[in-house]
PDB file of N, CA and C in Angstrom:
ATOM      1  N   MET A   1       0.812  -1.202   0.000  1.00  0.00           N
ATOM      2  CA  MET A   1       0.000   0.000   0.000  1.00  0.00           C
ATOM      3  C   MET A   1       0.856   1.267   0.000  1.00  0.00           C
ATOM      4  N   LEU A   2       1.959   1.220   0.736  1.00  0.00           N
ATOM      5  CA  LEU A   2       2.831   2.382   0.799  1.00  0.00           C
ATOM      6  C   LEU A   2       3.392   2.696  -0.567  1.00  0.00           C
ATOM      7  N   LEU A   3       3.745   1.675  -1.342  1.00  0.00           N
ATOM      8  CA  LEU A   3       4.292   1.878  -2.669  1.00  0.00           C
ATOM      9  C   LEU A   3       3.277   2.571  -3.562  1.00  0.00           C
ATOM     10  N   ALA A   4       2.021   2.147  -3.502  1.00  0.00           N
ATOM     11  CA  ALA A   4       0.982   2.777  -4.308  1.00  0.00           C
ATOM     12  C   ALA A   4       0.822   4.241  -3.933  1.00  0.00           C
ATOM     13  N   GLY A   5       0.881   4.526  -2.657  1.00  0.00           N
ATOM     14  CA  GLY A   5       0.781   5.909  -2.200  1.00  0.00           C
ATOM     15  C   GLY A   5       1.952   6.739  -2.672  1.00  0.00           C
ATOM     16  N   THR A   6       3.139   6.141  -2.658  1.00  0.00           N
ATOM     17  CA  THR A   6       4.333   6.844  -3.110  1.00  0.00           C
ATOM     18  C   THR A   6       4.246   7.120  -4.599  1.00  0.00           C
ATOM     19  N   LEU A   7       3.769   6.137  -5.361  1.00  0.00           N
ATOM     20  CA  LEU A   7       3.628   6.331  -6.794  1.00  0.00           C
ATOM     21  C   LEU A   7       2.609   7.423  -7.098  1.00  0.00           C
ATOM     22  N   ALA A   8       1.496   7.416  -6.388  1.00  0.00           N
ATOM     23  CA  ALA A   8       0.487   8.450  -6.584  1.00  0.00           C
ATOM     24  C   ALA A   8       1.049   9.807  -6.228  1.00  0.00           C
ATOM     25  N   PHE A   9       1.816   9.849  -5.153  1.00  0.00           N
ATOM     26  CA  PHE A   9       2.423  11.092  -4.706  1.00  0.00           C
ATOM     27  C   PHE A   9       3.379  11.626  -5.765  1.00  0.00           C
ATOM     28  N   SER A  10       4.242  10.780  -6.304  1.00  0.00           N
ATOM     29  CA  SER A  10       5.236  11.235  -7.267  1.00  0.00           C
ATOM     30  C   SER A  10       4.591  11.612  -8.590  1.00  0.00           C
ATOM     31  N   SER A  11       3.530  10.907  -8.990  1.00  0.00           N
ATOM     32  CA  SER A  11       2.895  11.231 -10.255  1.00  0.00           C
ATOM     33  C   SER A  11       2.163  12.562 -10.180  1.00  0.00           C
ATOM     34  N   CYS A  12       1.605  12.896  -9.038  1.00  0.00           N
ATOM     35  CA  CYS A  12       0.914  14.169  -8.887  1.00  0.00           C
ATOM     36  C   CYS A  12       1.900  15.326  -8.873  1.00  0.00           C
ATOM     37  N   GLN A  13       3.057  15.107  -8.329  1.00  0.00           N
ATOM     38  CA  GLN A  13       4.036  16.170  -8.239  1.00  0.00           C
ATOM     39  C   GLN A  13       4.587  16.551  -9.598  1.00  0.00           C
ATOM     40  N   SER A  14       4.740  15.594 -10.504  1.00  0.00           N
ATOM     41  CA  SER A  14       5.416  15.847 -11.760  1.00  0.00           C
ATOM     42  C   SER A  14       4.683  16.866 -12.626  1.00  0.00           C
ATOM     43  N   ASP A  15       3.384  17.037 -12.452  1.00  0.00           N
ATOM     44  CA  ASP A  15       2.618  17.955 -13.275  1.00  0.00           C
ATOM     45  C   ASP A  15       3.080  19.400 -13.138  1.00  0.00           C
ATOM     46  N   THR A  16       3.358  19.840 -11.931  1.00  0.00           N
ATOM     47  CA  THR A  16       3.694  21.246 -11.705  1.00  0.00           C
ATOM     48  C   THR A  16       5.077  21.429 -11.111  1.00  0.00           C
ATOM     49  N   GLU A  17       5.818  20.366 -10.954  1.00  0.00           N
ATOM     50  CA  GLU A  17       7.088  20.429 -10.235  1.00  0.00           C
ATOM     51  C   GLU A  17       8.101  21.353 -10.906  1.00  0.00           C
ATOM     52  N   ALA A  18       8.279  21.237 -12.211  1.00  0.00           N
ATOM     53  CA  ALA A  18       9.314  22.027 -12.891  1.00  0.00           C
ATOM     54  C   ALA A  18       9.052  23.531 -12.796  1.00  0.00           C
ATOM     55  N   PRO A  19       7.857  24.009 -13.177  1.00  0.00           N
ATOM     56  CA  PRO A  19       7.626  25.457 -13.074  1.00  0.00           C
ATOM     57  C   PRO A  19       7.713  25.959 -11.632  1.00  0.00           C
ATOM     58  N   VAL A  20       7.185  25.197 -10.700  1.00  0.00           N
ATOM     59  CA  VAL A  20       7.206  25.613  -9.299  1.00  0.00           C
ATOM     60  C   VAL A  20       8.634  25.642  -8.779  1.00  0.00           C
ATOM     61  N   ALA A  21       9.434  24.652  -9.141  1.00  0.00           N
ATOM     62  CA  ALA A  21      10.823  24.611  -8.683  1.00  0.00           C
ATOM     63  C   ALA A  21      11.574  25.855  -9.142  1.00  0.00           C
ATOM     64  N   ALA A  22      11.338  26.273 -10.364  1.00  0.00           N
ATOM     65  CA  ALA A  22      12.000  27.479 -10.871  1.00  0.00           C
ATOM     66  C   ALA A  22      11.494  28.711 -10.121  1.00  0.00           C
ATOM     67  N   ASP A  23      10.201  28.760  -9.860  1.00  0.00           N
ATOM     68  CA  ASP A  23       9.617  29.918  -9.176  1.00  0.00           C
ATOM     69  C   ASP A  23      10.024  29.994  -7.708  1.00  0.00           C
ATOM     70  N   LEU A  24      10.327  28.856  -7.100  1.00  0.00           N
ATOM     71  CA  LEU A  24      10.772  28.864  -5.703  1.00  0.00           C
ATOM     72  C   LEU A  24      12.053  29.674  -5.533  1.00  0.00           C
ATOM     73  N   ASN A  25      12.860  29.708  -6.569  1.00  0.00           N
ATOM     74  CA  ASN A  25      14.132  30.430  -6.527  1.00  0.00           C
ATOM     75  C   ASN A  25      14.033  31.817  -7.146  1.00  0.00           C
ATOM     76  N   SER A  26      12.818  32.289  -7.348  1.00  0.00           N
ATOM     77  CA  SER A  26      12.625  33.602  -7.964  1.00  0.00           C
ATOM     78  C   SER A  26      13.199  34.708  -7.083  1.00  0.00           C
ATOM     79  N   ALA A  27      13.719  35.729  -7.738  1.00  0.00           N
ATOM     80  CA  ALA A  27      14.225  36.897  -7.016  1.00  0.00           C
ATOM     81  C   ALA A  27      13.073  37.707  -6.427  1.00  0.00           C
ATOM     82  N   ASN A  28      11.886  37.532  -6.975  1.00  0.00           N
ATOM     83  CA  ASN A  28      10.707  38.243  -6.486  1.00  0.00           C
ATOM     84  C   ASN A  28      10.133  37.467  -5.303  1.00  0.00           C
ATOM     85  N   PRO A  29      10.123  38.069  -4.114  1.00  0.00           N
ATOM     86  CA  PRO A  29       9.635  37.356  -2.921  1.00  0.00           C
ATOM     87  C   PRO A  29       8.177  36.901  -3.029  1.00  0.00           C
ATOM     88  N   ALA A  30       7.344  37.686  -3.689  1.00  0.00           N
ATOM     89  CA  ALA A  30       5.933  37.310  -3.821  1.00  0.00           C
ATOM     90  C   ALA A  30       5.792  36.053  -4.682  1.00  0.00           C
ATOM     91  N   VAL A  31       6.565  35.982  -5.756  1.00  0.00           N
ATOM     92  CA  VAL A  31       6.529  34.809  -6.632  1.00  0.00           C
ATOM     93  C   VAL A  31       7.042  33.585  -5.878  1.00  0.00           C
ATOM     94  N   ALA A  32       8.143  33.742  -5.175  1.00  0.00           N
ATOM     95  CA  ALA A  32       8.733  32.630  -4.425  1.00  0.00           C
ATOM     96  C   ALA A  32       7.771  32.131  -3.344  1.00  0.00           C
ATOM     97  N   GLU A  33       7.119  33.041  -2.646  1.00  0.00           N
ATOM     98  CA  GLU A  33       6.173  32.656  -1.590  1.00  0.00           C
ATOM     99  C   GLU A  33       4.962  31.936  -2.171  1.00  0.00           C
ATOM    100  N   GLN A  34       4.431  32.461  -3.269  1.00  0.00           N
ATOM    101  CA  GLN A  34       3.271  31.808  -3.885  1.00  0.00           C
ATOM    102  C   GLN A  34       3.656  30.438  -4.444  1.00  0.00           C
ATOM    103  N   ALA A  35       4.842  30.327  -4.984  1.00  0.00           N
ATOM    104  CA  ALA A  35       5.323  29.034  -5.487  1.00  0.00           C
ATOM    105  C   ALA A  35       5.441  28.033  -4.337  1.00  0.00           C
ATOM    106  N   ARG A  36       5.867  28.505  -3.176  1.00  0.00           N
ATOM    107  CA  ARG A  36       5.958  27.634  -2.005  1.00  0.00           C
ATOM    108  C   ARG A  36       4.565  27.140  -1.610  1.00  0.00           C
ATOM    109  N   LYS A  37       3.580  28.041  -1.657  1.00  0.00           N
ATOM    110  CA  LYS A  37       2.205  27.645  -1.327  1.00  0.00           C
ATOM    111  C   LYS A  37       1.670  26.621  -2.324  1.00  0.00           C
ATOM    112  N   VAL A  38       1.959  26.848  -3.606  1.00  0.00           N
ATOM    113  CA  VAL A  38       1.517  25.914  -4.646  1.00  0.00           C
ATOM    114  C   VAL A  38       2.138  24.541  -4.412  1.00  0.00           C
ATOM    115  N   GLN A  39       3.425  24.537  -4.122  1.00  0.00           N
ATOM    116  CA  GLN A  39       4.127  23.279  -3.875  1.00  0.00           C
ATOM    117  C   GLN A  39       3.550  22.568  -2.643  1.00  0.00           C
ATOM    118  N   GLU A  40       3.297  23.309  -1.592  1.00  0.00           N
ATOM    119  CA  GLU A  40       2.755  22.731  -0.360  1.00  0.00           C
ATOM    120  C   GLU A  40       1.367  22.133  -0.589  1.00  0.00           C
ATOM    121  N   LEU A  41       0.519  22.867  -1.300  1.00  0.00           N
ATOM    122  CA  LEU A  41      -0.829  22.360  -1.584  1.00  0.00           C
ATOM    123  C   LEU A  41      -0.787  21.138  -2.496  1.00  0.00           C
ATOM    124  N   SER A  42       0.094  21.152  -3.471  1.00  0.00           N
ATOM    125  CA  SER A  42       0.242  19.995  -4.361  1.00  0.00           C
ATOM    126  C   SER A  42       0.665  18.765  -3.573  1.00  0.00           C
ATOM    127  N   THR A  43       1.568  18.960  -2.632  1.00  0.00           N
ATOM    128  CA  THR A  43       2.026  17.861  -1.782  1.00  0.00           C
ATOM    129  C   THR A  43       0.886  17.344  -0.912  1.00  0.00           C
ATOM    130  N   GLN A  44       0.110  18.251  -0.326  1.00  0.00           N
ATOM    131  CA  GLN A  44      -1.020  17.846   0.519  1.00  0.00           C
ATOM    132  C   GLN A  44      -2.059  17.070  -0.283  1.00  0.00           C
ATOM    133  N   ILE A  45      -2.319  17.520  -1.502  1.00  0.00           N
ATOM    134  CA  ILE A  45      -3.290  16.837  -2.358  1.00  0.00           C
ATOM    135  C   ILE A  45      -2.803  15.435  -2.694  1.00  0.00           C
ATOM    136  N   ALA A  46      -1.539  15.311  -3.044  1.00  0.00           N
ATOM    137  CA  ALA A  46      -0.980  13.999  -3.378  1.00  0.00           C
ATOM    138  C   ALA A  46      -1.070  13.053  -2.187  1.00  0.00           C
ATOM    139  N   ARG A  47      -0.759  13.560  -1.006  1.00  0.00           N
ATOM    140  CA  ARG A  47      -0.844  12.721   0.195  1.00  0.00           C
ATOM    141  C   ARG A  47      -2.278  12.308   0.477  1.00  0.00           C
ATOM    142  N   GLN A  48      -3.206  13.247   0.322  1.00  0.00           N
ATOM    143  CA  GLN A  48      -4.612  12.935   0.586  1.00  0.00           C
ATOM    144  C   GLN A  48      -5.129  11.902  -0.405  1.00  0.00           C
ATOM    145  N   LYS A  49      -4.732  12.013  -1.668  1.00  0.00           N
ATOM    146  CA  LYS A  49      -5.141  11.025  -2.665  1.00  0.00           C
ATOM    147  C   LYS A  49      -4.614   9.644  -2.298  1.00  0.00           C
ATOM    148  N   ALA A  50      -3.388   9.586  -1.798  1.00  0.00           N
ATOM    149  CA  ALA A  50      -2.813   8.302  -1.377  1.00  0.00           C
ATOM    150  C   ALA A  50      -3.611   7.716  -0.214  1.00  0.00           C
ATOM    151  N   VAL A  51      -4.016   8.566   0.728  1.00  0.00           N
ATOM    152  CA  VAL A  51      -4.833   8.111   1.862  1.00  0.00           C
ATOM    153  C   VAL A  51      -6.179   7.587   1.357  1.00  0.00           C
ATOM    154  N   ILE A  52      -6.775   8.303   0.437  1.00  0.00           N
ATOM    155  CA  ILE A  52      -8.075   7.895  -0.109  1.00  0.00           C
ATOM    156  C   ILE A  52      -7.959   6.541  -0.804  1.00  0.00           C
ATOM    157  N   GLU A  53      -6.896   6.349  -1.583  1.00  0.00           N
ATOM    158  CA  GLU A  53      -6.701   5.067  -2.267  1.00  0.00           C
ATOM    159  C   GLU A  53      -6.559   3.928  -1.261  1.00  0.00           C
ATOM    160  N   THR A  54      -5.819   4.177  -0.194  1.00  0.00           N
ATOM    161  CA  THR A  54      -5.637   3.163   0.842  1.00  0.00           C
ATOM    162  C   THR A  54      -6.964   2.846   1.518  1.00  0.00           C
ATOM    163  N   GLU A  55      -7.720   3.872   1.858  1.00  0.00           N
ATOM    164  CA  GLU A  55      -9.013   3.670   2.513  1.00  0.00           C
ATOM    165  C   GLU A  55     -10.000   2.979   1.576  1.00  0.00           C
ATOM    166  N   GLN A  56      -9.932   3.284   0.284  1.00  0.00           N
ATOM    167  CA  GLN A  56     -10.815   2.619  -0.682  1.00  0.00           C
ATOM    168  C   GLN A  56     -10.500   1.130  -0.746  1.00  0.00           C
ATOM    169  N   ALA A  57      -9.222   0.791  -0.688  1.00  0.00           N
ATOM    170  CA  ALA A  57      -8.827  -0.622  -0.689  1.00  0.00           C
ATOM    171  C   ALA A  57      -9.333  -1.324   0.568  1.00  0.00           C
ATOM    172  N   LYS A  58      -9.261  -0.642   1.708  1.00  0.00           N
ATOM    173  CA  LYS A  58      -9.781  -1.215   2.957  1.00  0.00           C
ATOM    174  C   LYS A  58     -11.289  -1.433   2.858  1.00  0.00           C
ATOM    175  N   LEU A  59     -11.989  -0.457   2.301  1.00  0.00           N
ATOM    176  CA  LEU A  59     -13.440  -0.558   2.151  1.00  0.00           C
ATOM    177  C   LEU A  59     -13.806  -1.729   1.245  1.00  0.00           C
ATOM    178  N   THR A  60     -13.092  -1.874   0.152  1.00  0.00           N
ATOM    179  CA  THR A  60     -13.347  -2.985  -0.763  1.00  0.00           C
ATOM    180  C   THR A  60     -13.152  -4.324  -0.059  1.00  0.00           C
ATOM    181  N   ALA A  61     -12.098  -4.438   0.734  1.00  0.00           N
ATOM    182  CA  ALA A  61     -11.836  -5.675   1.478  1.00  0.00           C
ATOM    183  C   ALA A  61     -12.958  -5.957   2.473  1.00  0.00           C
ATOM    184  N   LEU A  62     -13.423  -4.928   3.161  1.00  0.00           N
ATOM    185  CA  LEU A  62     -14.525  -5.109   4.118  1.00  0.00           C
ATOM    186  C   LEU A  62     -15.808  -5.530   3.414  1.00  0.00           C
ATOM    187  N   GLU A  63     -16.074  -4.943   2.259  1.00  0.00           N
ATOM    188  CA  GLU A  63     -17.277  -5.311   1.503  1.00  0.00           C
ATOM    189  C   GLU A  63     -17.208  -6.774   1.060  1.00  0.00           C
ATOM    190  N   GLN A  64     -16.018  -7.222   0.670  1.00  0.00           N
ATOM    191  CA  GLN A  64     -15.850  -8.625   0.280  1.00  0.00           C
ATOM    192  C   GLN A  64     -16.054  -9.548   1.479  1.00  0.00           C
ATOM    193  N   GLN A  65     -15.540  -9.145   2.637  1.00  0.00           N
ATOM    194  CA  GLN A  65     -15.743  -9.934   3.857  1.00  0.00           C
ATOM    195  C   GLN A  65     -17.226 -10.010   4.206  1.00  0.00           C
ATOM    196  N   LEU A  66     -17.913  -8.893   4.087  1.00  0.00           N
ATOM    197  CA  LEU A  66     -19.348  -8.864   4.373  1.00  0.00           C
ATOM    198  C   LEU A  66     -20.101  -9.789   3.431  1.00  0.00           C
ATOM    199  N   GLN A  67     -19.769  -9.735   2.168  1.00  0.00           N
ATOM    200  CA  GLN A  67     -20.435 -10.594   1.189  1.00  0.00           C
ATOM    201  C   GLN A  67     -20.197 -12.070   1.521  1.00  0.00           C
ATOM    202  N   GLY A  68     -18.972 -12.420   1.865  1.00  0.00           N
ATOM    203  CA  GLY A  68     -18.662 -13.802   2.239  1.00  0.00           C
ATOM    204  C   GLY A  68     -19.396 -14.227   3.493  1.00  0.00           C
ATOM    205  N   SER A  69     -19.446 -13.347   4.473  1.00  0.00           N
ATOM    206  CA  SER A  69     -20.154 -13.652   5.725  1.00  0.00           C
ATOM    207  C   SER A  69     -21.646 -13.827   5.483  1.00  0.00           C
ATOM    208  N   GLN A  70     -22.205 -12.994   4.621  1.00  0.00           N
ATOM    209  CA  GLN A  70     -23.634 -13.103   4.306  1.00  0.00           C
ATOM    210  C   GLN A  70     -23.922 -14.432   3.613  1.00  0.00           C
ATOM    211  N   GLN A  71     -23.035 -14.827   2.708  1.00  0.00           N
ATOM    212  CA  GLN A  71     -23.212 -16.117   2.029  1.00  0.00           C
ATOM    213  C   GLN A  71     -23.111 -17.271   3.025  1.00  0.00           C
ATOM    214  N   ASN A  72     -22.169 -17.178   3.962  1.00  0.00           N
ATOM    215  CA  ASN A  72     -22.048 -18.209   5.007  1.00  0.00           C
ATOM    216  C   ASN A  72     -23.305 -18.277   5.857  1.00  0.00           C
ATOM    217  N   LEU A  73     -23.834 -17.117   6.233  1.00  0.00           N
ATOM    218  CA  LEU A  73     -25.063 -17.072   7.028  1.00  0.00           C
ATOM    219  C   LEU A  73     -26.208 -17.729   6.274  1.00  0.00           C
ATOM    220  N   ASP A  74     -26.349 -17.395   5.007  1.00  0.00           N
ATOM    221  CA  ASP A  74     -27.416 -17.992   4.202  1.00  0.00           C
ATOM    222  C   ASP A  74     -27.250 -19.510   4.125  1.00  0.00           C
ATOM    223  N   GLY A  75     -26.017 -19.966   3.972  1.00  0.00           N
ATOM    224  CA  GLY A  75     -25.754 -21.405   3.914  1.00  0.00           C
ATOM    225  C   GLY A  75     -26.102 -22.102   5.214  1.00  0.00           C
ATOM    226  N   ILE A  76     -25.735 -21.504   6.328  1.00  0.00           N
ATOM    227  CA  ILE A  76     -26.046 -22.081   7.645  1.00  0.00           C
ATOM    228  C   ILE A  76     -27.552 -22.137   7.853  1.00  0.00           C
ATOM    229  N   LYS A  77     -28.251 -21.067   7.486  1.00  0.00           N
ATOM    230  CA  LYS A  77     -29.706 -21.040   7.645  1.00  0.00           C
ATOM    231  C   LYS A  77     -30.365 -22.117   6.788  1.00  0.00           C
ATOM    232  N   ASN A  78     -29.875 -22.308   5.572  1.00  0.00           N
ATOM    233  CA  ASN A  78     -30.430 -23.348   4.696  1.00  0.00           C
ATOM    234  C   ASN A  78     -30.169 -24.736   5.263  1.00  0.00           C
ATOM    235  N   GLU A  79     -28.998 -24.926   5.860  1.00  0.00           N
ATOM    236  CA  GLU A  79     -28.659 -26.213   6.473  1.00  0.00           C
ATOM    237  C   GLU A  79     -29.562 -26.498   7.672  1.00  0.00           C
ATOM    238  N   VAL A  80     -29.816 -25.469   8.469  1.00  0.00           N
ATOM    239  CA  VAL A  80     -30.693 -25.626   9.641  1.00  0.00           C
ATOM    240  C   VAL A  80     -32.110 -25.987   9.190  1.00  0.00           C
ATOM    241  N   LYS A  81     -32.580 -25.360   8.119  1.00  0.00           N
ATOM    242  CA  LYS A  81     -33.921 -25.673   7.601  1.00  0.00           C
ATOM    243  C   LYS A  81     -33.983 -27.111   7.090  1.00  0.00           C
ATOM    244  N   ALA A  82     -32.919 -27.559   6.450  1.00  0.00           N
ATOM    245  CA  ALA A  82     -32.899 -28.908   5.873  1.00  0.00           C
ATOM    246  C   ALA A  82     -32.757 -29.976   6.947  1.00  0.00           C
ATOM    247  N   ASN A  83     -32.110 -29.648   8.052  1.00  0.00           N
ATOM    248  CA  ASN A  83     -31.872 -30.609   9.141  1.00  0.00           C
ATOM    249  C   ASN A  83     -32.342 -30.033  10.476  1.00  0.00           C
ATOM    250  N   PRO A  84     -33.651 -29.983  10.678  1.00  0.00           N
ATOM    251  CA  PRO A  84     -34.159 -29.361  11.918  1.00  0.00           C
ATOM    252  C   PRO A  84     -33.854 -30.140  13.173  1.00  0.00           C
TER     253      PRO A  84
END
């Protein structure tokens, strides 16, 4: 799961990384500060997407467990009906 999050993180960064990296070193303080904010928000978004992907995988696993448990319950109930 960590690898998937890292890949998502790195892929999101590549979209704006080059222009932002250049702007971070701008002689204009306003440009440099705004570039820092852009970089920080991009990083936060990438991390949040990684968290969402991880949580979605957990949810899918729980749904599969629920489906299996429901099938087991139905099977047990049918067995009880057949053998009272």
